[in-house]
Amino acid sequence: MSKIEGFIAHSTLERRAAAKYYYFMLVNVFLGSIIAGTAFEQLDAFLHQSPTQIPRTIGVSIPMKATFFITYIMIDGWAGIAGEILRLKPLIIFHLKNMFLVKTERDKERAMDPGSVDFPETLPSLQLYFLLGIVYAVVTPILLPFVLVFFAFAYLVYRHQIVNVYNQKYESAAAFWPHVHSRIIASLLISQLLLLGLLSTKKAANSTPLLVILPILTLYFHKYCKSRFEPAFRKYPLEEAMAKDLNDRTTESELNLKAYLADAYLHPIFRSFEEEELVEVKVEKNKPQPASDRTSELSSPSPPHQANHPSSPPHYVYHPSSPPQHVYDPSSPSHYAYHYENDIYHPPSPPHYAYHYENEP
């Protein structure tokens, strides 16, 4: 779904997928089990009571679901941690690939690739267990030891896996943390609202107004953290930017910064188009212009310029040799005498051609 939305970066895709999976688990596992279980168990109360009494009914049903969530933490959380440290599925897949697909050392390295941490699945699960611990810390404290055991083993296992097993594919500079912080604040708000509904059913309506300030203070704290710390995740610090610029000037003293920044933030595909257009413009500038009339060039007030005259096919002009003059001479056998110019005999020569070019410069 995140790819269909148009996101390209791998870190952005994982953050979007983690957000969707967290909302799914929040509605399906937490709210779904509480609301649906309460609706089926107290269907008559839901049908005959006023809508203003529904939050009170849900507050009553929250402690009743503590057993279900304890079982859920033991089966999904504890068993998931054991499966993470054993990694049976990757082990079986590696042996199958080694038997049928591995032919070279490169194939063996690809088959042994452990991959990276599955953030879209791991982080939402951890946040859900944190939500369960926050909600039931006051309502049903018996659930807290199970949550604490899960987080203790999760810390040890995931620390070992990240350091010694997984290969991190990218570095996002803690871009996940603002999302995690927002969901922690949301968990606090959910626990406070559910606590207000629960106290209103336990004959403690007089103390309920005193708890209204808790969600307000929580929202104020979230706003303060967002304005104070979020820019550090969105923008580059000025001190580090200055240090990086100084380092670049010392290591690359011949770098033309203005020319580099001209298209530094331009997508490579658009950069190639601009280079092609620049080449086309240069070719058009170097292309010879058609010759104009000489009269227009002479009458034009523009400064003189050289006109490139394309070569035209030569015109052939035939100059025949002059024939000899025939004079009657009775003494000669043929009664004709041939007189040539300057009394020089010119033997017959092949025709002569003169080449004339138009628009001679």
Protein backbone atom coordinates (compact mmCIF):
# COMPACT_ATOMS: atom_id res chain seq x y z
CA MET A 1 0.00 0.00 0.00
CA SER A 2 2.81 2.42 0.76
CA LYS A 3 4.39 1.75 -2.64
CA ILE A 4 1.06 2.46 -4.32
CA GLU A 5 0.97 5.80 -2.49
CA GLY A 6 4.11 6.79 -4.41
CA PHE A 7 6.84 6.62 -1.76
CA ILE A 8 10.26 5.63 -3.09
CA ALA A 9 12.73 5.72 -0.19
CA HIS A 10 13.07 2.42 1.65
CA SER A 11 13.04 4.10 5.07
CA THR A 12 9.87 6.03 4.22
CA LEU A 13 8.16 2.86 3.03
CA GLU A 14 8.99 1.09 6.29
CA ARG A 15 7.76 4.00 8.42
CA ARG A 16 4.47 4.16 6.54
CA ALA A 17 4.01 0.40 6.73
CA ALA A 18 4.79 0.42 10.47
CA ALA A 19 2.18 3.15 11.05
CA LYS A 20 -0.50 1.20 9.17
CA TYR A 21 0.28 -2.00 11.03
CA TYR A 22 0.18 -0.21 14.40
CA TYR A 23 -3.24 1.29 13.71
CA PHE A 24 -4.48 -2.11 12.60
CA MET A 25 -3.29 -3.78 15.81
CA LEU A 26 -4.65 -0.94 17.94
CA VAL A 27 -8.14 -1.31 16.47
CA ASN A 28 -8.18 -5.06 15.94
CA VAL A 29 -6.35 -6.38 19.02
CA PHE A 30 -6.87 -3.75 21.71
CA LEU A 31 -10.08 -1.83 21.00
CA GLY A 32 -11.66 -4.70 19.10
CA SER A 33 -11.21 -7.20 21.91
CA ILE A 34 -12.44 -4.74 24.55
CA ILE A 35 -15.43 -3.31 22.69
CA ALA A 36 -16.47 -6.51 20.92
CA GLY A 37 -16.08 -8.60 24.07
CA THR A 38 -18.05 -6.10 26.10
CA ALA A 39 -20.75 -5.89 23.45
CA PHE A 40 -21.24 -9.66 23.38
CA GLU A 41 -21.03 -10.11 27.15
CA GLN A 42 -23.23 -7.12 28.00
CA LEU A 43 -25.37 -6.95 24.87
CA ASP A 44 -28.54 -6.26 26.86
CA ALA A 45 -26.91 -3.31 28.64
CA PHE A 46 -25.71 -1.86 25.32
CA LEU A 47 -29.18 -2.07 23.79
CA HIS A 48 -31.17 -0.57 26.67
CA GLN A 49 -28.84 2.03 28.17
CA SER A 50 -28.30 5.60 27.01
CA PRO A 51 -25.26 6.49 24.84
CA THR A 52 -23.75 8.48 27.70
CA GLN A 53 -23.39 5.27 29.71
CA ILE A 54 -21.32 3.44 27.05
CA PRO A 55 -17.91 4.80 28.25
CA ARG A 56 -18.77 3.65 31.77
CA THR A 57 -19.65 0.19 30.49
CA ILE A 58 -16.37 0.00 28.57
CA GLY A 59 -14.48 1.11 31.69
CA VAL A 60 -16.07 -1.75 33.62
CA SER A 61 -15.12 -4.27 30.92
CA ILE A 62 -11.42 -3.29 30.79
CA PRO A 63 -10.38 -5.24 33.92
CA MET A 64 -12.35 -8.21 32.64
CA LYS A 65 -10.03 -8.47 29.59
CA ALA A 66 -6.81 -8.57 31.58
CA THR A 67 -6.69 -12.38 31.40
CA PHE A 68 -6.97 -12.31 27.63
CA PHE A 69 -4.10 -9.85 27.28
CA ILE A 70 -1.91 -11.83 29.69
CA THR A 71 -2.40 -14.88 27.48
CA TYR A 72 -1.73 -12.78 24.40
CA ILE A 73 1.57 -11.48 25.80
CA MET A 74 2.73 -14.97 26.75
CA ILE A 75 1.84 -16.56 23.40
CA ASP A 76 2.70 -13.78 20.99
CA GLY A 77 5.37 -11.90 22.95
CA TRP A 78 7.36 -14.56 24.75
CA ALA A 79 7.10 -17.10 21.94
CA GLY A 80 8.01 -14.40 19.41
CA ILE A 81 11.19 -13.56 21.32
CA ALA A 82 12.15 -17.25 21.45
CA GLY A 83 11.53 -17.59 17.72
CA GLU A 84 13.62 -14.49 17.05
CA ILE A 85 16.68 -15.86 18.86
CA LEU A 86 16.32 -19.35 17.31
CA ARG A 87 15.61 -18.18 13.74
CA LEU A 88 14.33 -21.58 12.64
CA LYS A 89 12.66 -20.33 9.48
CA PRO A 90 15.82 -18.70 8.02
CA LEU A 91 17.80 -21.80 9.02
CA ILE A 92 15.47 -24.14 7.11
CA ILE A 93 15.39 -21.83 4.08
CA PHE A 94 19.20 -21.68 4.03
CA HIS A 95 19.57 -25.47 4.02
CA LEU A 96 17.01 -25.82 1.23
CA LYS A 97 18.82 -23.22 -0.88
CA ASN A 98 22.16 -24.86 -0.09
CA MET A 99 20.87 -28.20 -1.36
CA PHE A 100 19.19 -27.09 -4.59
CA LEU A 101 20.25 -23.57 -5.59
CA VAL A 102 23.78 -22.91 -4.33
CA LYS A 103 26.37 -23.44 -7.08
CA THR A 104 29.06 -20.86 -6.35
CA GLU A 105 30.44 -18.95 -3.39
CA ARG A 106 28.36 -15.92 -4.35
CA ASP A 107 25.20 -18.03 -4.27
CA LYS A 108 26.20 -19.27 -0.83
CA GLU A 109 26.70 -15.70 0.45
CA ARG A 110 23.28 -14.72 -0.88
CA ALA A 111 21.69 -17.73 0.78
CA MET A 112 23.34 -16.84 4.11
CA ASP A 113 22.22 -13.19 4.00
CA PRO A 114 20.31 -12.62 7.28
CA GLY A 115 18.61 -9.46 6.05
CA SER A 116 17.76 -6.51 8.29
CA VAL A 117 15.45 -5.87 11.21
CA ASP A 118 11.80 -6.06 10.22
CA PHE A 119 10.83 -2.63 11.53
CA PRO A 120 7.26 -2.60 10.09
CA GLU A 121 6.41 -5.68 12.17
CA THR A 122 8.67 -5.36 15.22
CA LEU A 123 8.05 -1.75 16.25
CA PRO A 124 4.21 -1.91 16.20
CA SER A 125 4.31 -5.04 18.37
CA LEU A 126 6.57 -3.35 20.93
CA GLN A 127 4.32 -0.28 20.98
CA LEU A 128 1.23 -2.43 21.51
CA TYR A 129 2.82 -4.16 24.53
CA PHE A 130 3.76 -0.75 25.92
CA LEU A 131 0.14 0.36 25.50
CA LEU A 132 -1.09 -2.71 27.38
CA GLY A 133 1.34 -2.07 30.21
CA ILE A 134 0.35 1.61 30.52
CA VAL A 135 -3.38 0.89 30.44
CA TYR A 136 -3.34 -1.98 32.94
CA ALA A 137 -0.68 -0.52 35.28
CA VAL A 138 -3.43 1.04 37.42
CA VAL A 139 -6.42 -1.11 36.47
CA THR A 140 -4.92 -4.61 36.74
CA PRO A 141 -1.32 -4.52 38.00
CA ILE A 142 -1.04 -8.32 37.73
CA LEU A 143 -0.35 -7.84 34.00
CA LEU A 144 2.78 -5.75 34.60
CA PRO A 145 5.20 -8.64 35.44
CA PHE A 146 4.41 -10.32 32.11
CA VAL A 147 5.07 -7.08 30.23
CA LEU A 148 8.32 -6.47 32.15
CA VAL A 149 9.59 -9.99 31.39
CA PHE A 150 8.80 -9.49 27.72
CA PHE A 151 10.68 -6.18 27.50
CA ALA A 152 13.67 -7.56 29.42
CA PHE A 153 14.09 -10.50 27.04
CA ALA A 154 13.30 -8.31 24.02
CA TYR A 155 16.10 -5.92 24.98
CA LEU A 156 18.66 -8.72 25.26
CA VAL A 157 17.57 -10.56 22.12
CA TYR A 158 17.19 -7.61 19.77
CA ARG A 159 20.42 -6.05 21.01
CA HIS A 160 22.24 -9.27 20.13
CA GLN A 161 20.50 -9.59 16.77
CA ILE A 162 21.18 -6.01 15.71
CA VAL A 163 24.84 -6.13 16.71
CA ASN A 164 25.79 -9.65 15.61
CA VAL A 165 23.21 -10.96 13.13
CA TYR A 166 21.39 -8.42 11.00
CA ASN A 167 22.85 -6.30 8.24
CA GLN A 168 21.39 -2.82 8.28
CA LYS A 169 20.33 -1.75 4.78
CA TYR A 170 20.13 1.99 5.40
CA GLU A 171 20.69 4.73 7.97
CA SER A 172 17.80 7.15 8.49
CA ALA A 173 19.25 9.25 11.36
CA ALA A 174 16.62 8.10 13.89
CA ALA A 175 13.73 9.08 11.62
CA PHE A 176 11.56 6.47 13.38
CA TRP A 177 11.76 8.15 16.77
CA PRO A 178 9.26 11.02 16.20
CA HIS A 179 6.65 8.43 15.19
CA VAL A 180 7.45 6.26 18.20
CA HIS A 181 7.22 9.28 20.52
CA SER A 182 3.81 10.23 19.09
CA ARG A 183 2.45 6.73 19.69
CA ILE A 184 3.78 6.72 23.24
CA ILE A 185 1.89 9.97 23.88
CA ALA A 186 -1.21 8.41 22.28
CA SER A 187 -0.87 5.42 24.62
CA LEU A 188 -0.73 7.75 27.62
CA LEU A 189 -3.86 9.57 26.45
CA ILE A 190 -5.75 6.30 25.92
CA SER A 191 -4.80 5.04 29.38
CA GLN A 192 -5.85 8.33 31.02
CA LEU A 193 -9.22 8.43 29.25
CA LEU A 194 -9.95 4.80 30.10
CA LEU A 195 -8.94 5.48 33.71
CA LEU A 196 -11.45 8.34 33.83
CA GLY A 197 -14.18 6.01 32.62
CA LEU A 198 -13.20 3.34 35.12
CA LEU A 199 -13.14 5.67 38.14
CA SER A 200 -16.57 6.98 37.25
CA THR A 201 -17.94 3.45 37.78
CA LYS A 202 -16.16 2.80 41.08
CA LYS A 203 -18.04 5.38 43.15
CA ALA A 204 -15.16 7.84 42.71
CA ALA A 205 -16.97 10.45 40.66
CA ASN A 206 -15.75 13.22 42.96
CA SER A 207 -12.10 12.56 42.12
CA THR A 208 -12.71 12.20 38.38
CA PRO A 209 -12.56 15.97 37.60
CA LEU A 210 -9.09 16.09 39.15
CA LEU A 211 -7.86 13.69 36.46
CA VAL A 212 -9.10 15.83 33.58
CA ILE A 213 -5.94 17.90 33.78
CA LEU A 214 -3.79 14.85 32.94
CA PRO A 215 -4.70 14.68 29.22
CA ILE A 216 -4.24 18.45 28.97
CA LEU A 217 -0.76 18.29 30.49
CA THR A 218 0.12 15.33 28.27
CA LEU A 219 -0.89 17.22 25.12
CA TYR A 220 1.09 20.26 26.26
CA PHE A 221 4.16 18.08 26.84
CA HIS A 222 3.78 16.56 23.38
CA LYS A 223 3.53 20.00 21.81
CA TYR A 224 6.63 21.16 23.69
CA CYS A 225 8.67 18.14 22.61
CA LYS A 226 7.53 18.52 19.02
CA SER A 227 8.54 22.18 18.83
CA ARG A 228 11.78 21.65 20.77
CA PHE A 229 13.20 18.40 19.41
CA GLU A 230 11.49 17.59 16.12
CA PRO A 231 13.49 20.14 14.05
CA ALA A 232 16.63 18.17 14.93
CA PHE A 233 15.15 15.20 13.04
CA ARG A 234 13.89 17.26 10.09
CA LYS A 235 16.70 19.78 9.55
CA TYR A 236 20.49 19.63 9.49
CA PRO A 237 22.19 21.35 12.49
CA LEU A 238 24.00 24.58 11.60
CA GLU A 239 27.13 23.65 13.56
CA GLU A 240 27.52 20.37 11.70
CA ALA A 241 26.74 22.06 8.38
CA MET A 242 29.46 24.67 9.04
CA ALA A 243 31.96 21.98 10.02
CA LYS A 244 31.13 20.03 6.87
CA ASP A 245 31.61 23.13 4.69
CA LEU A 246 34.99 23.85 6.26
CA ASN A 247 36.04 20.26 5.72
CA ASP A 248 34.97 20.40 2.08
CA ARG A 249 36.94 23.59 1.50
CA THR A 250 40.13 22.06 2.89
CA THR A 251 39.82 18.70 1.15
CA GLU A 252 38.43 19.98 -2.16
CA SER A 253 39.89 23.43 -2.61
CA GLU A 254 39.38 23.42 -6.40
CA LEU A 255 35.65 22.73 -6.17
CA ASN A 256 33.46 25.38 -7.80
CA LEU A 257 30.63 25.53 -5.29
CA LYS A 258 28.28 27.66 -7.40
CA ALA A 259 28.60 25.39 -10.42
CA TYR A 260 28.13 22.33 -8.22
CA LEU A 261 25.00 23.71 -6.54
CA ALA A 262 23.45 24.76 -9.85
CA ASP A 263 22.05 21.28 -10.43
CA ALA A 264 22.95 19.48 -7.19
CA TYR A 265 19.30 19.04 -6.16
CA LEU A 266 18.06 18.25 -9.67
CA HIS A 267 16.93 14.73 -10.47
CA PRO A 268 19.42 12.94 -12.76
CA ILE A 269 16.79 12.32 -15.43
CA PHE A 270 16.01 16.04 -15.69
CA ARG A 271 19.73 16.81 -15.63
CA SER A 272 20.27 14.63 -18.72
CA PHE A 273 17.44 16.43 -20.51
CA GLU A 274 19.03 19.82 -19.81
CA GLU A 275 22.39 18.60 -21.09
CA GLU A 276 20.76 17.38 -24.30
CA GLU A 277 18.99 20.72 -24.77
CA LEU A 278 22.29 22.56 -24.19
CA VAL A 279 24.00 20.44 -26.85
CA GLU A 280 21.16 21.11 -29.28
CA VAL A 281 21.44 24.87 -28.68
CA LYS A 282 25.19 24.74 -29.32
CA VAL A 283 24.65 22.79 -32.54
CA GLU A 284 22.06 25.31 -33.73
CA LYS A 285 24.43 28.18 -32.99
CA ASN A 286 27.23 26.52 -34.96
CA LYS A 287 24.95 25.66 -37.88
CA PRO A 288 25.74 27.86 -41.01
CA GLN A 289 23.15 30.52 -41.81
CA PRO A 290 21.73 30.90 -45.37
CA ALA A 291 23.47 33.53 -47.53
CA SER A 292 21.63 36.78 -48.12
CA ASP A 293 21.77 39.07 -51.15
CA ARG A 294 24.84 41.20 -51.52
CA THR A 295 22.73 44.31 -51.98
CA SER A 296 20.95 43.75 -48.69
CA GLU A 297 24.28 43.21 -46.96
CA LEU A 298 25.62 46.46 -48.34
CA SER A 299 22.53 48.46 -47.44
CA SER A 300 22.23 47.00 -43.95
CA PRO A 301 23.46 49.26 -41.15
CA SER A 302 24.67 46.28 -39.13
CA PRO A 303 28.42 45.75 -38.76
CA PRO A 304 30.11 43.75 -41.48
CA HIS A 305 30.21 40.06 -41.09
CA GLN A 306 31.46 37.16 -43.06
CA ALA A 307 28.86 35.29 -44.99
CA ASN A 308 29.47 31.64 -45.55
CA HIS A 309 28.53 30.93 -49.17
CA PRO A 310 27.83 27.31 -49.85
CA SER A 311 29.51 25.88 -52.90
CA SER A 312 27.27 25.81 -55.97
CA PRO A 313 27.74 23.48 -58.92
CA PRO A 314 30.06 24.95 -61.59
CA HIS A 315 28.65 26.29 -64.86
CA TYR A 316 30.41 25.10 -67.97
CA VAL A 317 31.05 27.63 -70.80
CA TYR A 318 32.38 26.22 -74.02
CA HIS A 319 34.99 28.28 -75.95
CA PRO A 320 35.62 26.64 -79.31
CA SER A 321 38.86 27.18 -81.12
CA SER A 322 38.62 29.56 -84.06
CA PRO A 323 38.57 27.72 -87.45
CA PRO A 324 41.19 28.47 -90.12
CA GLN A 325 40.36 30.93 -92.92
CA HIS A 326 40.09 29.38 -96.39
CA VAL A 327 41.65 31.43 -99.31
CA TYR A 328 41.58 30.31 -102.99
CA ASP A 329 45.04 29.60 -104.40
CA PRO A 330 45.24 28.33 -108.00
CA SER A 331 48.79 27.08 -107.56
CA SER A 332 47.90 24.59 -104.90
CA PRO A 333 46.52 21.18 -105.90
CA SER A 334 43.34 21.71 -103.99
CA HIS A 335 43.19 25.41 -105.03
CA TYR A 336 42.80 26.37 -101.36
CA ALA A 337 45.33 27.92 -99.02
CA TYR A 338 44.98 27.87 -95.26
CA HIS A 339 45.96 31.03 -93.39
CA TYR A 340 46.28 30.96 -89.62
CA GLU A 341 46.51 33.82 -87.24
CA ASN A 342 50.06 35.04 -86.72
CA ASP A 343 51.18 32.45 -89.29
CA ILE A 344 51.35 29.85 -86.60
CA TYR A 345 49.76 26.51 -87.05
CA HIS A 346 47.46 25.61 -84.24
CA PRO A 347 46.64 21.95 -84.19
CA PRO A 348 43.12 21.02 -83.27
CA SER A 349 42.75 20.89 -79.47
CA PRO A 350 40.00 19.48 -77.30
CA PRO A 351 37.26 21.85 -76.22
CA HIS A 352 38.10 24.25 -73.40
CA TYR A 353 35.83 24.78 -70.40
CA ALA A 354 35.85 27.76 -68.09
CA TYR A 355 34.42 27.41 -64.56
CA HIS A 356 32.36 30.30 -63.21
CA TYR A 357 30.94 30.24 -59.63
CA GLU A 358 27.94 32.27 -58.55
CA ASN A 359 28.11 34.66 -55.60
CA GLU A 360 31.88 34.75 -55.49
CA PRO A 361 33.02 36.41 -52.26
